[in-house]
Amino acid sequence: MSDSARSSLEALRHSAAHLLAAAIAELYPNALPTLGPAIETGFYYDFDHLKIGAEDFPLVEAKMRELVKTWSSFKKFKLSASEAKAEFKANPYKLELIDEIIAKGEEITVYQSGTFRDLCRGGHTDKPGEIKAFKLLSVAGAYWHGDEKNKMLTRIYGTAFSSQEDLDKYLWQIEEAKKRDHRKLGKELDLFTFSELVGSGLPLYTARGSFIRRTVTNFVESVQSKLAYTQVWTPQIAKAELFKKSGHYDKYKDDMFRVVSNYSDEEFFLKPMNCPQHAEIYASRPRSYRDLPLRLTDFAMLYRDEKPGELSGLARVRAFSQDDCHVYCREDQVDFEVDQMLDMIKQIMNTFGFTYRYRLSTRDPAHPEKYLGDPKVWDKLEAWAVKIMERNHIEYYDGPGEAAFYGPKMDLMATDALGREWQLSTVQIDYVQPERFNLEYTALDGSRQRPVTLHRAILGSPERLLGILIEHYAGAFPLWLSPTQLTLLPISEHELTFTQKLAKELTKAGLRVEIDESSNTLGKKILRGRNYKVPYLAIIGKKEVETNTLTLKNRAGDQLTLSLDEVIAKLTQETESKL
């Protein structure tokens, strides 16, 4: 989507939020409207003194369609503070917003369509009559200004598009996403669970889920180990002084778990990232230009103190790992190292079947205090990142304000089977951490020089990726990722001994095989295998015993009778090629 189309859609959705507020005002005159912005997936509006459910949406939508016929434009009015406060004197939320606008020295504006007026900065469609393809989606609770100390409001979510076709497509995606919800499928497929006794946001992986998690990290390791990346292992706690030195303490202390010792007054934290400890590995001995690049990888667990209301399955957890890597290199080695990282990322993303683009995550110019380092260095790094992506023919878009506090990021945004974007991989060039940790190496001329730190993750968090993959594949993992690749279905007890012999040979060949030894009918055994989304089922009957064969059935229902050796060859080749 072009920038102009994106801006036009945002204006349409913001206008739809106004339309929702106008409909609520007529149908529920006691409701107090507060805020209603456009968001990435549509819009929402928060109300106080409103009791409403999804069953009421048809009535509200009908009123919205009735009102929009009378809207010809959004007319702007500039008001003085006293005029604005007089107009919204019955709404304490609007009065608070007015005070905030005054404190910022901004002008106070009201926009009117039909008879509905709302406090607003603007950003509406020029043709309100085009607000036709919209739908109210859900109701949720939301604290005023997102602060848990404030009152809980009623939030109505909706979406709007420029065409009915686009709206229908999005509504299909929502319904399909419900079917693919990784929290639902994760339970049905016995992949992971959560326990109140263990704690919110702390997933427990079953043998099946742990297999998938381990397989994807082993895949990354198999790729990077061929390129002289070396694994290290670091503690899951560290002293506060480490994070003070790196800058994370000042920036992220509120999101870190503090650890208390029974025998020491020292302040410890569960580590939320690996880079400070990797810097200490680099600093543990003298380094020469001959030692560089030094490529350190780490799959250690990390912990972040997420707010309870933000936890969501595997998408947002408190305990996770990263396929983390930090490369310490000379400045003249940066281009080669980054290009190599981008090639690795491309190989792995293509294996999972993701299409993707990159986001150039840069500084927020309005808030320079959020970032460490010389602004001139930032200018250099942001321009360097652009050259790198252009040289590698990478499609990218700008993401102001999305940079790390120590440098810009090249963030991969992967598109899944439902067309949703997820931020996975990242590559970052960092001059700040080497400076803060006083990292050095001896150059060819004997001088002491600073290395550059390159941060890289391909999967991001394997935990989060597992949730994404469950939904991407709808639980039907490709053969190489499936915990069970083949389930053997003996028709009766007479075939059980032969089936056990087959299972032994298949397992010896490296395949993951299970036998359904239940007394269920063949139809029920097949149904169970389908529910577990096993890639292949093998029916073992009298004919198979007599001919020493297996009749394979894939997920599509296609059937093929093969010898044991042919089955091993077929499944092994499919596994190795990661189909």
Protein backbone atom coordinates (compact mmCIF):
# COMPACT_ATOMS: atom_id res chain seq x y z
CA MET A 1 0.00 0.00 0.00
CA SER A 2 1.38 3.44 -0.96
CA ASP A 3 1.85 6.18 1.62
CA SER A 4 -1.02 8.18 0.10
CA ALA A 5 -3.38 5.17 0.14
CA ARG A 6 -2.37 4.43 3.73
CA SER A 7 -3.02 8.05 4.73
CA SER A 8 -6.39 8.03 2.96
CA LEU A 9 -7.43 4.82 4.73
CA GLU A 10 -6.39 6.23 8.10
CA ALA A 11 -8.51 9.34 7.46
CA LEU A 12 -11.47 7.16 6.49
CA ARG A 13 -11.13 5.13 9.68
CA HIS A 14 -10.77 8.16 11.92
CA SER A 15 -13.92 9.55 10.32
CA ALA A 16 -15.70 6.25 11.00
CA ALA A 17 -14.78 6.63 14.68
CA HIS A 18 -16.57 9.99 14.69
CA LEU A 19 -19.55 8.33 13.02
CA LEU A 20 -19.62 5.66 15.73
CA ALA A 21 -19.54 8.31 18.47
CA ALA A 22 -22.40 10.18 16.78
CA ALA A 23 -24.53 7.02 16.63
CA ILE A 24 -23.83 6.22 20.28
CA ALA A 25 -24.73 9.80 21.25
CA GLU A 26 -28.19 9.39 19.67
CA LEU A 27 -28.86 5.84 20.89
CA TYR A 28 -27.29 6.18 24.36
CA PRO A 29 -27.55 9.86 25.34
CA ASN A 30 -26.06 9.25 28.80
CA ALA A 31 -22.81 7.84 27.38
CA LEU A 32 -19.75 10.08 27.59
CA PRO A 33 -17.44 9.94 24.55
CA THR A 34 -13.71 10.22 25.32
CA LEU A 35 -11.20 9.33 22.57
CA GLY A 36 -11.59 7.63 19.18
CA PRO A 37 -8.48 7.23 17.01
CA ALA A 38 -7.77 5.28 13.87
CA ILE A 39 -5.55 2.23 14.47
CA GLU A 40 -3.71 -0.19 12.21
CA THR A 41 -6.68 -2.55 11.86
CA GLY A 42 -9.50 0.02 11.95
CA PHE A 43 -10.61 2.30 14.76
CA TYR A 44 -12.03 2.36 18.25
CA TYR A 45 -13.87 4.77 20.52
CA ASP A 46 -13.91 4.73 24.33
CA PHE A 47 -17.04 5.67 26.29
CA ASP A 48 -17.99 6.07 29.93
CA HIS A 49 -21.47 5.27 31.25
CA LEU A 50 -22.14 2.85 28.41
CA LYS A 51 -23.34 -0.73 28.71
CA ILE A 52 -23.32 -2.41 25.34
CA GLY A 53 -22.66 -5.82 23.83
CA ALA A 54 -21.98 -7.27 20.40
CA GLU A 55 -25.69 -8.11 20.14
CA ASP A 56 -26.35 -4.34 20.00
CA PHE A 57 -24.02 -3.74 17.04
CA PRO A 58 -26.67 -4.13 14.28
CA LEU A 59 -28.68 -1.31 15.87
CA VAL A 60 -25.62 0.94 16.13
CA GLU A 61 -24.46 0.14 12.60
CA ALA A 62 -27.93 0.94 11.25
CA LYS A 63 -27.83 4.31 13.00
CA MET A 64 -24.35 4.96 11.57
CA ARG A 65 -25.62 4.27 8.04
CA GLU A 66 -28.60 6.54 8.63
CA LEU A 67 -26.46 9.42 9.95
CA VAL A 68 -23.71 9.27 7.32
CA LYS A 69 -26.29 10.05 4.62
CA THR A 70 -26.64 13.49 6.21
CA TRP A 71 -22.89 14.14 6.45
CA SER A 72 -21.46 16.16 3.58
CA SER A 73 -18.17 17.30 5.18
CA PHE A 74 -16.16 17.71 8.37
CA LYS A 75 -16.32 21.39 9.24
CA LYS A 76 -13.50 22.77 11.40
CA PHE A 77 -13.99 25.30 14.22
CA LYS A 78 -11.22 26.94 16.23
CA LEU A 79 -12.23 27.60 19.83
CA SER A 80 -10.76 29.52 22.70
CA ALA A 81 -10.13 27.64 25.95
CA SER A 82 -13.20 29.18 27.55
CA GLU A 83 -15.40 28.38 24.55
CA ALA A 84 -14.20 24.78 24.45
CA LYS A 85 -14.71 24.27 28.18
CA ALA A 86 -18.20 25.76 27.98
CA GLU A 87 -19.14 23.44 25.12
CA PHE A 88 -17.85 20.28 26.84
CA LYS A 89 -18.57 21.23 30.44
CA ALA A 90 -20.67 18.08 30.99
CA ASN A 91 -17.81 15.77 29.91
CA PRO A 92 -14.84 15.61 32.35
CA TYR A 93 -12.78 13.58 29.86
CA LYS A 94 -13.02 16.26 27.19
CA LEU A 95 -12.19 18.92 29.77
CA GLU A 96 -9.04 17.00 30.70
CA LEU A 97 -8.08 16.76 27.03
CA ILE A 98 -8.63 20.50 26.62
CA ASP A 99 -6.26 21.17 29.53
CA GLU A 100 -3.66 18.91 27.91
CA ILE A 101 -4.00 20.76 24.60
CA ILE A 102 -3.59 24.10 26.39
CA ALA A 103 -0.50 22.82 28.24
CA LYS A 104 1.10 21.89 24.91
CA GLY A 105 0.33 25.31 23.45
CA GLU A 106 -1.70 23.82 20.62
CA GLU A 107 -4.86 25.24 19.09
CA ILE A 108 -8.21 23.82 20.18
CA THR A 109 -10.29 22.55 17.29
CA VAL A 110 -13.74 20.99 16.99
CA TYR A 111 -15.02 19.17 13.92
CA GLN A 112 -18.69 18.94 13.00
CA SER A 113 -20.55 16.59 10.67
CA GLY A 114 -24.30 16.85 10.56
CA THR A 115 -25.26 17.87 14.11
CA PHE A 116 -22.40 15.96 15.79
CA ARG A 117 -19.45 17.93 17.11
CA ASP A 118 -16.28 16.46 18.64
CA LEU A 119 -13.01 17.73 20.02
CA CYS A 120 -10.42 16.65 17.46
CA ARG A 121 -7.09 17.57 15.87
CA GLY A 122 -8.34 16.61 12.42
CA GLY A 123 -7.39 14.07 9.79
CA HIS A 124 -10.74 13.19 8.21
CA THR A 125 -11.93 12.08 4.81
CA ASP A 126 -13.10 14.82 2.46
CA LYS A 127 -16.13 12.73 1.51
CA PRO A 128 -17.97 11.31 4.56
CA GLY A 129 -20.48 9.71 2.22
CA GLU A 130 -17.74 7.22 1.28
CA ILE A 131 -17.87 5.71 4.79
CA LYS A 132 -19.85 2.68 3.67
CA ALA A 133 -17.68 -0.42 4.11
CA PHE A 134 -17.46 -0.59 7.90
CA LYS A 135 -18.15 -3.12 10.64
CA LEU A 136 -18.21 -3.05 14.45
CA LEU A 137 -16.14 -5.94 15.77
CA SER A 138 -15.94 -6.20 19.55
CA VAL A 139 -16.32 -4.59 22.96
CA ALA A 140 -13.52 -4.45 25.53
CA GLY A 141 -12.59 -2.66 28.70
CA ALA A 142 -9.91 0.04 28.55
CA TYR A 143 -8.49 2.32 31.20
CA TRP A 144 -8.66 6.05 30.55
CA HIS A 145 -5.30 7.08 29.10
CA GLY A 146 -4.18 3.44 29.45
CA ASP A 147 -3.49 3.96 33.16
CA GLU A 148 -4.68 1.18 35.49
CA LYS A 149 -5.22 3.79 38.21
CA ASN A 150 -7.91 5.44 36.09
CA LYS A 151 -11.51 4.38 35.50
CA MET A 152 -12.31 1.47 33.21
CA LEU A 153 -14.13 2.61 30.06
CA THR A 154 -16.05 0.73 27.40
CA ARG A 155 -14.11 0.43 24.15
CA ILE A 156 -15.89 -0.41 20.90
CA TYR A 157 -13.61 -1.69 18.15
CA GLY A 158 -14.52 -1.41 14.49
CA THR A 159 -12.94 -1.43 11.09
CA ALA A 160 -13.51 0.39 7.82
CA PHE A 161 -12.21 0.05 4.28
CA SER A 162 -12.49 1.94 1.04
CA SER A 163 -14.38 -0.94 -0.59
CA GLN A 164 -16.75 -3.72 0.44
CA GLU A 165 -14.40 -6.22 -1.19
CA ASP A 166 -11.55 -5.18 1.12
CA LEU A 167 -13.87 -5.30 4.13
CA ASP A 168 -15.12 -8.78 3.23
CA LYS A 169 -11.55 -9.99 2.84
CA TYR A 170 -10.61 -8.61 6.25
CA LEU A 171 -13.68 -10.14 7.93
CA TRP A 172 -12.72 -13.50 6.38
CA GLN A 173 -9.23 -13.07 7.81
CA ILE A 174 -10.69 -12.45 11.27
CA GLU A 175 -12.83 -15.59 11.14
CA GLU A 176 -9.96 -17.64 9.78
CA ALA A 177 -7.67 -16.24 12.48
CA LYS A 178 -10.13 -17.43 15.14
CA LYS A 179 -9.90 -20.96 13.73
CA ARG A 180 -6.10 -20.72 13.64
CA ASP A 181 -5.71 -19.04 17.06
CA HIS A 182 -2.46 -20.50 18.42
CA ARG A 183 -3.85 -20.56 21.96
CA LYS A 184 -6.70 -22.80 20.81
CA LEU A 185 -4.62 -25.00 18.49
CA GLY A 186 -1.75 -25.16 20.97
CA LYS A 187 -4.08 -26.84 23.45
CA GLU A 188 -5.76 -29.10 20.88
CA LEU A 189 -2.41 -30.24 19.47
CA ASP A 190 -0.86 -30.63 22.94
CA LEU A 191 1.99 -28.16 22.30
CA PHE A 192 2.04 -25.89 25.35
CA THR A 193 0.08 -24.86 28.41
CA PHE A 194 -0.06 -22.19 31.09
CA SER A 195 -0.44 -22.72 34.83
CA GLU A 196 -1.73 -20.28 37.44
CA LEU A 197 0.70 -21.82 39.91
CA VAL A 198 3.65 -21.19 37.59
CA GLY A 199 2.50 -17.69 36.67
CA SER A 200 1.01 -15.61 33.86
CA GLY A 201 3.10 -15.26 30.73
CA LEU A 202 5.30 -18.24 31.63
CA PRO A 203 4.58 -20.97 29.05
CA LEU A 204 5.16 -24.67 29.71
CA TYR A 205 6.04 -26.67 26.59
CA THR A 206 4.97 -30.27 26.21
CA ALA A 207 7.22 -32.79 24.48
CA ARG A 208 5.49 -31.99 21.18
CA GLY A 209 5.79 -28.22 21.53
CA SER A 210 9.33 -28.45 22.82
CA PHE A 211 10.27 -30.51 19.77
CA ILE A 212 9.08 -27.80 17.38
CA ARG A 213 10.75 -25.05 19.41
CA ARG A 214 14.02 -27.02 19.49
CA THR A 215 13.82 -27.87 15.78
CA VAL A 216 13.54 -24.25 14.65
CA THR A 217 16.46 -23.16 16.85
CA ASN A 218 18.53 -26.13 15.64
CA PHE A 219 17.75 -25.06 12.08
CA VAL A 220 19.12 -21.59 12.75
CA GLU A 221 22.17 -23.08 14.45
CA SER A 222 22.82 -25.41 11.49
CA VAL A 223 22.85 -22.41 9.16
CA GLN A 224 24.96 -20.05 11.26
CA SER A 225 27.49 -22.62 12.53
CA LYS A 226 28.63 -23.16 8.91
CA LEU A 227 29.60 -19.49 8.83
CA ALA A 228 31.86 -19.52 11.91
CA TYR A 229 29.24 -18.33 14.38
CA THR A 230 30.03 -19.75 17.83
CA GLN A 231 27.54 -20.42 20.61
CA VAL A 232 28.07 -19.06 24.11
CA TRP A 233 25.96 -19.42 27.24
CA THR A 234 25.38 -16.67 29.78
CA PRO A 235 23.68 -16.46 33.20
CA GLN A 236 20.03 -15.56 33.44
CA ILE A 237 20.68 -12.97 36.15
CA ALA A 238 23.20 -10.16 36.39
CA LYS A 239 24.06 -7.28 38.68
CA ALA A 240 22.34 -3.96 38.16
CA GLU A 241 25.74 -2.39 37.43
CA LEU A 242 25.94 -4.35 34.16
CA PHE A 243 22.68 -2.84 32.92
CA LYS A 244 23.63 0.61 34.20
CA LYS A 245 26.78 0.42 32.13
CA SER A 246 24.91 -0.67 29.00
CA GLY A 247 22.19 1.97 29.43
CA HIS A 248 19.36 -0.55 29.77
CA TYR A 249 18.89 0.23 33.47
CA ASP A 250 17.88 3.83 32.83
CA LYS A 251 15.77 3.01 29.78
CA TYR A 252 14.07 -0.28 30.76
CA LYS A 253 14.33 -0.77 34.53
CA ASP A 254 10.54 -0.74 34.95
CA ASP A 255 10.26 -3.66 32.51
CA MET A 256 12.90 -5.81 34.25
CA PHE A 257 12.42 -8.40 37.01
CA ARG A 258 14.42 -7.50 40.12
CA VAL A 259 16.08 -10.42 41.93
CA VAL A 260 16.63 -10.33 45.70
CA SER A 261 19.46 -12.27 47.36
CA ASN A 262 19.22 -13.66 50.88
CA TYR A 263 22.94 -13.11 51.42
CA SER A 264 23.83 -9.94 49.56
CA ASP A 265 22.60 -6.37 49.36
CA GLU A 266 23.61 -6.19 45.71
CA GLU A 267 20.86 -5.46 43.21
CA PHE A 268 20.32 -8.17 40.59
CA PHE A 269 17.95 -8.47 37.63
CA LEU A 270 16.77 -11.31 35.44
CA LYS A 271 18.33 -10.42 32.11
CA PRO A 272 15.97 -9.02 29.48
CA MET A 273 18.60 -9.18 26.71
CA ASN A 274 21.97 -10.81 25.99
CA CYS A 275 24.09 -7.96 24.60
CA PRO A 276 25.59 -6.62 27.88
CA GLN A 277 26.86 -10.07 28.91
CA HIS A 278 28.23 -10.70 25.42
CA ALA A 279 30.12 -7.41 25.69
CA GLU A 280 31.73 -8.73 28.88
CA ILE A 281 32.80 -11.91 27.05
CA TYR A 282 34.48 -9.72 24.44
CA ALA A 283 36.15 -7.65 27.18
CA SER A 284 37.39 -10.71 29.06
CA ARG A 285 40.69 -10.84 27.14
CA PRO A 286 42.79 -8.64 24.83
CA ARG A 287 41.60 -8.64 21.21
CA SER A 288 43.56 -8.10 18.02
CA TYR A 289 42.34 -7.13 14.56
CA ARG A 290 43.16 -10.75 13.68
CA ASP A 291 40.46 -11.94 16.13
CA LEU A 292 37.74 -10.02 14.32
CA PRO A 293 35.04 -10.60 13.42
CA LEU A 294 34.04 -12.36 16.65
CA ARG A 295 30.58 -13.88 16.16
CA LEU A 296 28.77 -14.87 19.38
CA THR A 297 25.35 -16.54 19.42
CA ASP A 298 23.18 -17.31 22.43
CA PHE A 299 19.84 -19.08 22.92
CA ALA A 300 19.65 -18.35 26.66
CA MET A 301 16.32 -17.52 28.33
CA LEU A 302 15.32 -13.88 28.82
CA TYR A 303 12.69 -12.29 31.07
CA ARG A 304 10.67 -9.09 30.84
CA ASP A 305 8.05 -7.83 33.28
CA GLU A 306 5.15 -7.34 30.87
CA LYS A 307 1.90 -5.87 32.16
CA PRO A 308 -0.73 -8.55 32.84
CA GLY A 309 -3.22 -6.98 30.43
CA GLU A 310 -0.67 -7.15 27.59
CA LEU A 311 0.09 -10.87 27.91
CA SER A 312 -1.32 -12.89 25.01
CA GLY A 313 -0.55 -16.57 24.52
CA LEU A 314 2.94 -16.94 23.04
CA ALA A 315 2.71 -13.56 21.28
CA ARG A 316 3.56 -11.67 24.48
CA VAL A 317 5.16 -13.60 27.34
CA ARG A 318 7.39 -12.93 30.33
CA ALA A 319 9.83 -15.79 29.70
CA PHE A 320 11.32 -16.25 26.24
CA SER A 321 14.54 -16.79 24.37
CA GLN A 322 16.06 -15.26 21.25
CA ASP A 323 18.24 -16.65 18.50
CA ASP A 324 20.54 -13.85 19.48
CA CYS A 325 23.85 -12.95 17.87
CA HIS A 326 26.40 -10.21 18.41
CA VAL A 327 29.23 -9.72 15.98
CA TYR A 328 32.20 -7.62 17.04
CA CYS A 329 34.07 -6.41 13.98
CA ARG A 330 36.11 -3.65 12.40
CA GLU A 331 34.22 -0.90 10.61
CA ASP A 332 35.53 -2.10 7.23
CA GLN A 333 34.01 -5.56 7.95
CA VAL A 334 30.48 -4.31 8.64
CA ASP A 335 29.16 -4.48 5.07
CA PHE A 336 30.24 -8.09 4.56
CA GLU A 337 28.90 -9.20 7.95
CA VAL A 338 25.51 -7.51 7.46
CA ASP A 339 25.15 -8.89 3.92
CA GLN A 340 25.87 -12.37 5.29
CA MET A 341 23.22 -11.88 7.98
CA LEU A 342 20.66 -10.76 5.42
CA ASP A 343 21.42 -13.83 3.28
CA MET A 344 20.87 -16.12 6.28
CA ILE A 345 17.61 -14.38 7.11
CA LYS A 346 16.43 -14.73 3.49
CA GLN A 347 17.19 -18.47 3.46
CA ILE A 348 15.33 -19.13 6.70
CA MET A 349 12.30 -16.95 5.90
CA ASN A 350 11.94 -18.64 2.51
CA THR A 351 11.99 -22.04 4.22
CA PHE A 352 8.98 -21.05 6.33
CA GLY A 353 7.21 -19.65 3.28
CA PHE A 354 7.03 -16.08 4.56
CA THR A 355 6.95 -13.12 2.20
CA TYR A 356 8.43 -10.04 3.82
CA ARG A 357 9.67 -6.50 3.61
CA TYR A 358 11.90 -4.48 5.92
CA ARG A 359 11.21 -1.54 8.16
CA LEU A 360 14.02 0.99 8.60
CA SER A 361 13.52 1.79 12.27
CA THR A 362 14.94 5.23 12.95
CA ARG A 363 14.91 7.92 15.65
CA ASP A 364 11.89 9.89 16.69
CA PRO A 365 13.05 13.43 15.89
CA ALA A 366 10.58 14.86 18.43
CA HIS A 367 12.19 12.92 21.30
CA PRO A 368 16.01 12.96 21.00
CA GLU A 369 16.27 12.28 24.74
CA LYS A 370 15.27 8.65 24.12
CA TYR A 371 18.53 7.85 22.36
CA LEU A 372 22.18 7.52 23.33
CA GLY A 373 25.15 8.55 21.24
CA ASP A 374 26.25 11.36 18.96
CA PRO A 375 23.48 12.57 16.57
CA LYS A 376 26.10 12.73 13.79
CA VAL A 377 26.82 9.03 14.29
CA TRP A 378 23.07 8.36 14.12
CA ASP A 379 22.91 10.26 10.81
CA LYS A 380 25.75 8.11 9.50
CA LEU A 381 24.19 4.82 10.61
CA GLU A 382 20.72 5.61 9.27
CA ALA A 383 22.20 6.55 5.88
CA TRP A 384 24.39 3.42 5.99
CA ALA A 385 21.36 1.19 6.62
CA VAL A 386 19.64 2.67 3.56
CA LYS A 387 22.68 1.90 1.39
CA ILE A 388 22.82 -1.66 2.72
CA MET A 389 19.18 -2.35 1.91
CA GLU A 390 19.40 -0.73 -1.51
CA ARG A 391 22.55 -2.70 -2.32
CA ASN A 392 20.74 -5.92 -1.37
CA HIS A 393 17.62 -4.91 -3.36
CA ILE A 394 15.47 -5.04 -0.23
CA GLU A 395 12.01 -3.48 -0.19
CA TYR A 396 11.69 -1.29 2.90
CA TYR A 397 9.67 1.50 4.45
CA ASP A 398 10.48 4.08 7.13
CA GLY A 399 9.59 3.52 10.79
CA PRO A 400 10.34 6.75 12.67
CA GLY A 401 10.56 6.22 16.43
CA GLU A 402 11.09 2.43 16.15
CA ALA A 403 14.89 2.52 16.62
CA ALA A 404 16.66 0.95 19.59
CA PHE A 405 18.04 3.48 22.06
CA TYR A 406 21.59 2.79 20.81
CA GLY A 407 21.04 2.68 17.04
CA PRO A 408 18.74 2.24 14.02
CA LYS A 409 17.37 -1.19 13.11
CA MET A 410 16.65 -3.08 9.92
CA ASP A 411 13.55 -5.00 11.02
CA LEU A 412 12.06 -7.76 8.90
CA MET A 413 8.25 -7.65 8.70
CA ALA A 414 7.02 -11.12 7.68
CA THR A 415 3.60 -11.68 6.11
CA ASP A 416 1.84 -14.89 7.14
CA ALA A 417 -0.74 -17.00 5.28
CA LEU A 418 -3.53 -14.62 6.38
CA GLY A 419 -1.74 -11.51 5.14
CA ARG A 420 -0.83 -10.27 8.63
CA GLU A 421 2.56 -8.68 9.28
CA TRP A 422 4.86 -9.75 12.13
CA GLN A 423 8.20 -8.26 13.11
CA LEU A 424 10.69 -11.14 13.29
CA SER A 425 14.31 -10.65 12.27
CA THR A 426 16.41 -7.63 13.07
CA VAL A 427 19.89 -6.34 12.17
CA GLN A 428 21.41 -3.39 14.00
CA ILE A 429 24.69 -1.49 13.75
CA ASP A 430 25.76 -0.21 17.17
CA TYR A 431 28.53 2.22 18.11
CA VAL A 432 27.11 3.01 21.57
CA GLN A 433 27.66 -0.28 23.42
CA PRO A 434 31.37 -0.62 22.45
CA GLU A 435 31.89 2.90 23.76
CA ARG A 436 30.02 2.33 27.04
CA PHE A 437 31.85 -0.94 27.70
CA ASN A 438 35.20 0.49 26.55
CA LEU A 439 35.70 -2.36 24.07
CA GLU A 440 38.94 -2.25 22.13
CA TYR A 441 41.17 -4.20 19.77
CA THR A 442 44.76 -3.74 18.66
CA ALA A 443 44.86 -2.55 15.04
CA LEU A 444 47.50 -3.50 12.44
CA ASP A 445 49.45 -0.33 13.24
CA GLY A 446 49.46 -1.12 16.99
CA SER A 447 46.85 1.52 17.88
CA ARG A 448 43.86 0.80 20.10
CA GLN A 449 40.55 0.96 18.20
CA ARG A 450 36.86 0.48 18.98
CA PRO A 451 35.05 -2.46 17.38
CA VAL A 452 31.54 -2.10 15.97
CA THR A 453 28.79 -4.25 17.50
CA LEU A 454 26.26 -5.83 15.15
CA HIS A 455 23.07 -7.14 16.77
CA ARG A 456 21.18 -9.84 14.88
CA ALA A 457 18.21 -12.12 15.47
CA ILE A 458 16.63 -14.21 12.71
CA LEU A 459 13.61 -15.79 14.38
CA GLY A 460 13.41 -13.13 17.06
CA SER A 461 11.83 -15.15 19.86
CA PRO A 462 11.30 -18.89 19.11
CA GLU A 463 8.36 -18.77 21.54
CA ARG A 464 6.64 -16.02 19.61
CA LEU A 465 7.59 -17.64 16.31
CA LEU A 466 5.94 -20.90 17.43
CA GLY A 467 2.67 -19.02 17.93
CA ILE A 468 3.02 -17.39 14.52
CA LEU A 469 3.84 -20.71 12.82
CA ILE A 470 0.86 -22.46 14.41
CA GLU A 471 -1.42 -19.84 12.86
CA HIS A 472 0.55 -19.62 9.61
CA TYR A 473 0.24 -23.37 9.01
CA ALA A 474 -3.15 -23.66 10.80
CA GLY A 475 -1.46 -26.32 12.96
CA ALA A 476 -0.65 -28.46 9.91
CA PHE A 477 3.14 -28.25 10.14
CA PRO A 478 5.32 -29.35 7.25
CA LEU A 479 6.88 -32.77 7.68
CA TRP A 480 10.24 -31.51 8.99
CA LEU A 481 8.52 -29.58 11.81
CA SER A 482 5.81 -32.09 12.72
CA PRO A 483 6.31 -33.75 16.12
CA THR A 484 4.76 -36.89 14.64
CA GLN A 485 5.47 -37.44 10.96
CA LEU A 486 3.65 -40.74 10.49
CA THR A 487 0.96 -42.52 12.48
CA LEU A 488 0.53 -46.23 11.83
CA LEU A 489 -3.07 -47.46 11.94
CA PRO A 490 -3.40 -51.23 12.33
CA ILE A 491 -6.93 -52.27 11.37
CA SER A 492 -7.07 -54.92 14.08
CA GLU A 493 -4.92 -56.70 16.68
CA HIS A 494 -3.88 -59.23 14.02
CA GLU A 495 -1.71 -56.56 12.33
CA LEU A 496 -0.20 -55.17 15.54
CA THR A 497 2.99 -57.26 15.61
CA PHE A 498 3.75 -56.38 11.98
CA THR A 499 2.98 -52.71 12.70
CA GLN A 500 5.37 -52.65 15.68
CA LYS A 501 8.10 -54.10 13.49
CA LEU A 502 7.49 -51.40 10.88
CA ALA A 503 7.58 -48.69 13.54
CA LYS A 504 10.94 -49.96 14.80
CA GLU A 505 12.46 -49.83 11.31
CA LEU A 506 11.00 -46.39 10.54
CA THR A 507 12.25 -44.99 13.85
CA LYS A 508 15.70 -46.47 13.24
CA ALA A 509 15.71 -44.56 9.92
CA GLY A 510 15.22 -41.30 11.84
CA LEU A 511 11.49 -40.80 11.30
CA ARG A 512 9.07 -39.81 14.05
CA VAL A 513 6.43 -42.51 14.20
CA GLU A 514 3.50 -43.36 16.45
CA ILE A 515 1.14 -46.36 16.50
CA ASP A 516 -2.55 -45.97 17.24
CA GLU A 517 -3.07 -49.14 19.26
CA SER A 518 -6.56 -48.16 20.42
CA SER A 519 -9.58 -50.38 19.88
CA ASN A 520 -11.27 -47.65 17.83
CA THR A 521 -12.57 -48.31 14.34
CA LEU A 522 -10.30 -47.40 11.42
CA GLY A 523 -12.54 -44.39 10.70
CA LYS A 524 -12.07 -43.05 14.21
CA LYS A 525 -8.31 -43.67 14.08
CA ILE A 526 -8.09 -41.70 10.83
CA LEU A 527 -10.18 -38.90 12.35
CA ARG A 528 -7.89 -38.73 15.39
CA GLY A 529 -4.84 -38.51 13.12
CA ARG A 530 -6.50 -35.75 11.11
CA ASN A 531 -7.37 -33.84 14.29
CA TYR A 532 -3.71 -33.99 15.33
CA LYS A 533 -2.85 -32.84 11.81
CA VAL A 534 -0.32 -35.64 11.31
CA PRO A 535 1.20 -35.31 7.80
CA TYR A 536 0.91 -39.01 6.95
CA LEU A 537 -1.23 -41.90 8.14
CA ALA A 538 -0.39 -45.48 7.16
CA ILE A 539 -3.22 -48.01 7.14
CA ILE A 540 -2.00 -51.51 8.00
CA GLY A 541 -4.40 -54.30 7.05
CA LYS A 542 -4.20 -57.91 5.95
CA LYS A 543 -3.09 -56.90 2.45
CA GLU A 544 -0.20 -54.78 3.78
CA VAL A 545 0.99 -57.63 6.03
CA GLU A 546 0.91 -60.09 3.12
CA THR A 547 2.71 -57.74 0.68
CA ASN A 548 5.02 -56.15 3.28
CA THR A 549 3.86 -52.65 2.27
CA LEU A 550 2.30 -49.52 3.78
CA THR A 551 -0.66 -47.62 2.40
CA LEU A 552 0.10 -43.93 3.02
CA LYS A 553 -2.63 -41.32 3.29
CA ASN A 554 -1.65 -37.63 3.30
CA ARG A 555 -3.64 -34.69 4.71
CA ALA A 556 -5.40 -34.16 1.40
CA GLY A 557 -6.67 -37.75 1.49
CA ASP A 558 -4.44 -38.96 -1.36
CA GLN A 559 -3.48 -42.61 -0.98
CA LEU A 560 -0.30 -44.41 -2.05
CA THR A 561 0.92 -47.97 -1.39
CA LEU A 562 4.71 -48.26 -0.99
CA SER A 563 7.32 -50.65 0.32
CA LEU A 564 9.02 -49.90 3.61
CA ASP A 565 12.20 -48.74 1.86
CA GLU A 566 10.18 -46.49 -0.46
CA VAL A 567 8.36 -44.92 2.51
CA ILE A 568 11.66 -44.26 4.29
CA ALA A 569 13.18 -42.72 1.15
CA LYS A 570 10.13 -40.55 0.47
CA LEU A 571 9.74 -39.19 4.00
CA THR A 572 13.49 -38.74 4.54
CA GLN A 573 13.85 -36.74 1.32
CA GLU A 574 10.82 -34.60 2.20
CA THR A 575 12.19 -33.96 5.70
CA GLU A 576 15.67 -33.03 4.51
CA SER A 577 14.33 -30.68 1.83
CA LYS A 578 12.09 -29.04 4.46
CA LEU A 579 9.00 -29.22 2.27
